[in-house]
Protein backbone atom coordinates (compact mmCIF):
# COMPACT_ATOMS: atom_id res chain seq x y z
CA MET A 1 0.14 -0.22 0.00
CA PHE A 2 1.24 3.34 -0.86
CA PHE A 3 0.49 5.17 2.32
CA GLN A 4 1.99 2.89 4.37
CA THR A 5 5.33 2.51 2.83
CA GLY A 6 5.46 6.66 2.34
CA LEU A 7 4.66 6.72 6.27
CA LEU A 8 7.39 4.27 7.28
CA SER A 9 10.05 5.89 4.98
CA ILE A 10 9.35 9.31 6.86
CA LEU A 11 9.59 7.46 10.12
CA ARG A 12 13.07 6.12 9.21
CA ARG A 13 14.31 9.08 8.67
CA LEU A 14 13.58 10.60 11.47
CA LYS A 15 16.01 8.21 13.46
CA PRO A 16 13.80 8.10 16.90
CA SER A 17 14.96 6.46 20.42
CA PRO A 18 14.11 3.13 20.39
CA GLU A 19 10.36 2.19 20.77
CA GLN A 20 9.77 6.28 20.83
CA GLU A 21 5.78 6.43 21.58
CA VAL A 22 3.48 8.62 19.98
CA ARG A 23 0.06 9.74 21.09
CA LEU A 24 -1.95 11.14 18.02
CA LEU A 25 -5.86 11.95 19.09
CA LEU A 26 -8.29 12.32 16.22
CA LEU A 27 -11.08 14.77 17.04
CA GLY A 28 -13.58 16.38 14.70
CA LEU A 29 -16.98 16.14 14.40
CA ASP A 30 -19.69 13.19 13.26
CA ASN A 31 -18.98 11.47 9.97
CA ALA A 32 -15.71 13.46 9.28
CA GLY A 33 -13.57 10.46 8.37
CA LYS A 34 -11.80 9.76 11.39
CA THR A 35 -12.29 6.15 11.38
CA THR A 36 -11.69 5.86 7.86
CA LEU A 37 -8.50 7.39 8.26
CA LEU A 38 -7.80 5.08 11.35
CA LYS A 39 -8.00 2.33 9.38
CA GLN A 40 -5.75 3.29 6.55
CA LEU A 41 -3.21 4.26 9.03
CA ALA A 42 -3.60 0.43 10.06
CA ALA A 43 -3.78 -1.10 6.59
CA GLU A 44 -7.62 -2.33 6.81
CA ASP A 45 -10.09 -2.41 5.48
CA VAL A 46 -12.30 0.62 4.70
CA SER A 47 -15.17 -0.45 2.76
CA HIS A 48 -17.70 -1.02 5.56
CA VAL A 49 -16.89 1.91 8.90
CA THR A 50 -19.72 2.74 10.94
CA PRO A 51 -19.73 5.62 13.64
CA THR A 52 -17.93 5.28 16.42
CA GLN A 53 -20.00 5.07 19.65
CA GLY A 54 -16.77 5.80 21.93
CA PHE A 55 -13.31 5.21 20.59
CA ASN A 56 -11.05 3.26 18.72
CA ILE A 57 -7.25 2.69 19.09
CA LYS A 58 -4.61 1.56 17.00
CA THR A 59 -1.07 0.92 17.26
CA VAL A 60 1.06 0.85 13.97
CA GLN A 61 4.72 0.51 14.65
CA SER A 62 8.15 0.65 12.80
CA GLU A 63 11.50 1.91 12.92
CA GLY A 64 11.51 2.45 16.72
CA PHE A 65 8.32 4.27 16.66
CA LYS A 66 5.14 3.36 18.38
CA LEU A 67 2.32 5.50 17.07
CA ASN A 68 -1.05 5.25 19.19
CA VAL A 69 -3.90 6.43 17.25
CA TRP A 70 -6.96 7.45 18.96
CA ASP A 71 -10.29 7.82 17.22
CA ILE A 72 -12.41 9.36 19.39
CA GLY A 73 -16.21 9.78 18.41
CA GLY A 74 -17.56 12.92 17.30
CA GLN A 75 -21.59 12.86 18.35
CA ARG A 76 -22.46 15.91 20.30
CA LYS A 77 -23.59 13.46 22.91
CA ILE A 78 -19.44 12.15 23.56
CA ARG A 79 -17.65 15.88 23.11
CA PRO A 80 -17.72 16.51 26.96
CA TYR A 81 -16.01 13.36 27.53
CA TRP A 82 -12.90 14.42 24.90
CA ARG A 83 -10.92 16.22 27.30
CA ASN A 84 -10.29 12.63 29.32
CA TYR A 85 -8.27 11.94 26.11
CA PHE A 86 -6.12 15.38 26.28
CA GLU A 87 -3.23 14.31 28.97
CA ASN A 88 -0.01 13.34 27.06
CA THR A 89 -1.29 14.43 23.47
CA ASP A 90 1.58 15.05 20.84
CA VAL A 91 -0.65 16.28 18.02
CA LEU A 92 -3.71 17.81 18.04
CA GLU A 93 -6.23 17.61 15.32
CA LEU A 94 -9.24 19.89 16.07
CA ALA A 95 -8.79 23.64 16.05
CA GLU A 96 -12.02 24.36 18.79
CA LEU A 97 -9.70 22.97 21.43
CA LEU A 98 -7.31 25.26 21.30
CA GLU A 99 -7.87 27.02 24.55
CA GLU A 100 -7.46 24.05 26.74
CA GLU A 101 -4.76 24.43 29.08
CA LYS A 102 -3.90 20.23 28.56
CA LEU A 103 -3.19 20.77 25.17
CA ALA A 104 -0.97 24.20 25.45
CA ALA A 105 1.53 24.43 22.38
CA VAL A 106 0.33 21.05 21.04
CA PRO A 107 0.78 21.29 17.19
CA LEU A 108 -2.70 21.47 15.38
CA LEU A 109 -3.41 19.38 11.96
CA ILE A 110 -6.62 19.75 10.67
CA PHE A 111 -7.09 17.23 7.75
CA ALA A 112 -9.87 19.05 5.35
CA ASN A 113 -10.98 15.64 4.68
CA LYS A 114 -13.59 14.19 1.47
CA GLN A 115 -11.69 16.87 -0.94
CA ASP A 116 -12.73 13.95 -3.18
CA LEU A 117 -16.34 15.57 -3.03
CA MET A 118 -17.24 18.04 -5.09
CA THR A 119 -18.89 19.85 -1.75
CA ALA A 120 -15.81 19.56 -0.23
CA THR A 121 -14.61 23.07 1.76
CA PRO A 122 -11.27 24.18 0.46
CA PRO A 123 -8.05 23.97 2.62
CA SER A 124 -7.60 27.65 2.49
CA GLU A 125 -11.30 28.58 3.22
CA LEU A 126 -11.06 25.92 6.10
CA ALA A 127 -8.34 27.84 7.61
CA GLU A 128 -9.45 31.29 7.04
CA SER A 129 -13.15 30.25 8.72
CA LEU A 130 -11.45 29.12 11.66
CA ASN A 131 -9.47 32.00 11.98
CA LEU A 132 -6.20 30.12 12.23
CA HIS A 133 -4.01 33.00 10.78
CA THR A 134 -4.57 34.17 14.57
CA VAL A 135 -2.73 31.34 16.29
CA ARG A 136 0.72 32.02 17.21
CA ASP A 137 1.13 29.55 19.97
CA ARG A 138 1.41 26.53 18.22
CA MET A 139 2.47 25.45 14.88
CA TRP A 140 -0.40 24.19 12.47
CA GLN A 141 -1.14 22.95 9.03
CA VAL A 142 -4.31 22.34 7.31
CA GLN A 143 -3.95 19.62 4.66
CA ALA A 144 -6.18 18.74 1.95
CA CYS A 145 -7.18 15.05 1.87
CA SER A 146 -9.76 12.41 1.99
CA ALA A 147 -8.99 9.64 4.08
CA LEU A 148 -11.13 7.07 1.52
CA THR A 149 -8.53 7.37 -1.54
CA VAL A 150 -5.53 8.44 0.95
CA GLU A 151 -4.48 11.42 -1.25
CA GLY A 152 -2.68 13.83 0.98
CA VAL A 153 -3.22 12.02 3.60
CA GLN A 154 0.51 10.89 3.53
CA GLU A 155 1.27 14.79 3.21
CA GLY A 156 0.01 15.80 7.09
CA MET A 157 1.54 12.69 8.29
CA THR A 158 5.15 14.08 6.75
CA TRP A 159 4.14 17.55 9.12
CA VAL A 160 2.87 15.52 11.71
CA CYS A 161 6.31 13.50 12.22
CA ARG A 162 8.41 16.42 11.54
CA ASN A 163 6.72 18.60 14.18
CA ILE A 164 6.57 15.64 16.79
CA LYS A 165 10.59 15.34 16.11
CA PHE A 166 10.67 18.99 16.94
CA ARG A 167 8.23 19.52 19.80
CA LYS A 168 10.35 16.23 21.54
CA LYS A 169 13.49 17.96 21.39
């Protein structure tokens, strides 16, 4: 699979210490494609994805990295429980959480998912609507992608790995 090979080559170049663990938290609204993205990262079949009622965890290991990816359900009734997952998070993926004290200075990656659809919001428009130009206390990136086709996912993960390496120094 192209994506998995690309991510592995990125991780190899970072040359981390043995068994360095990284926690990646996927948060987003209902039906945003979080579980599809998680299944792609784990090289699993994405043809039958159902809404997450709680959370899913997958671990991807390679070349000394242990990526613990947490997919937290996006339904409105679950969102109050999101803060239970903030501690020890290495990557943040939802702009609404920027003011949380436990997530101070955590890099922000926003996957502008579903770009394979004609109705998808362009990344630049998404960045503007979220006022990301005002975010100065952390690194941030809006990455166009399609979790279904995997297009743009590798580029987002490249950014994640670079910023994890920078943050861990």
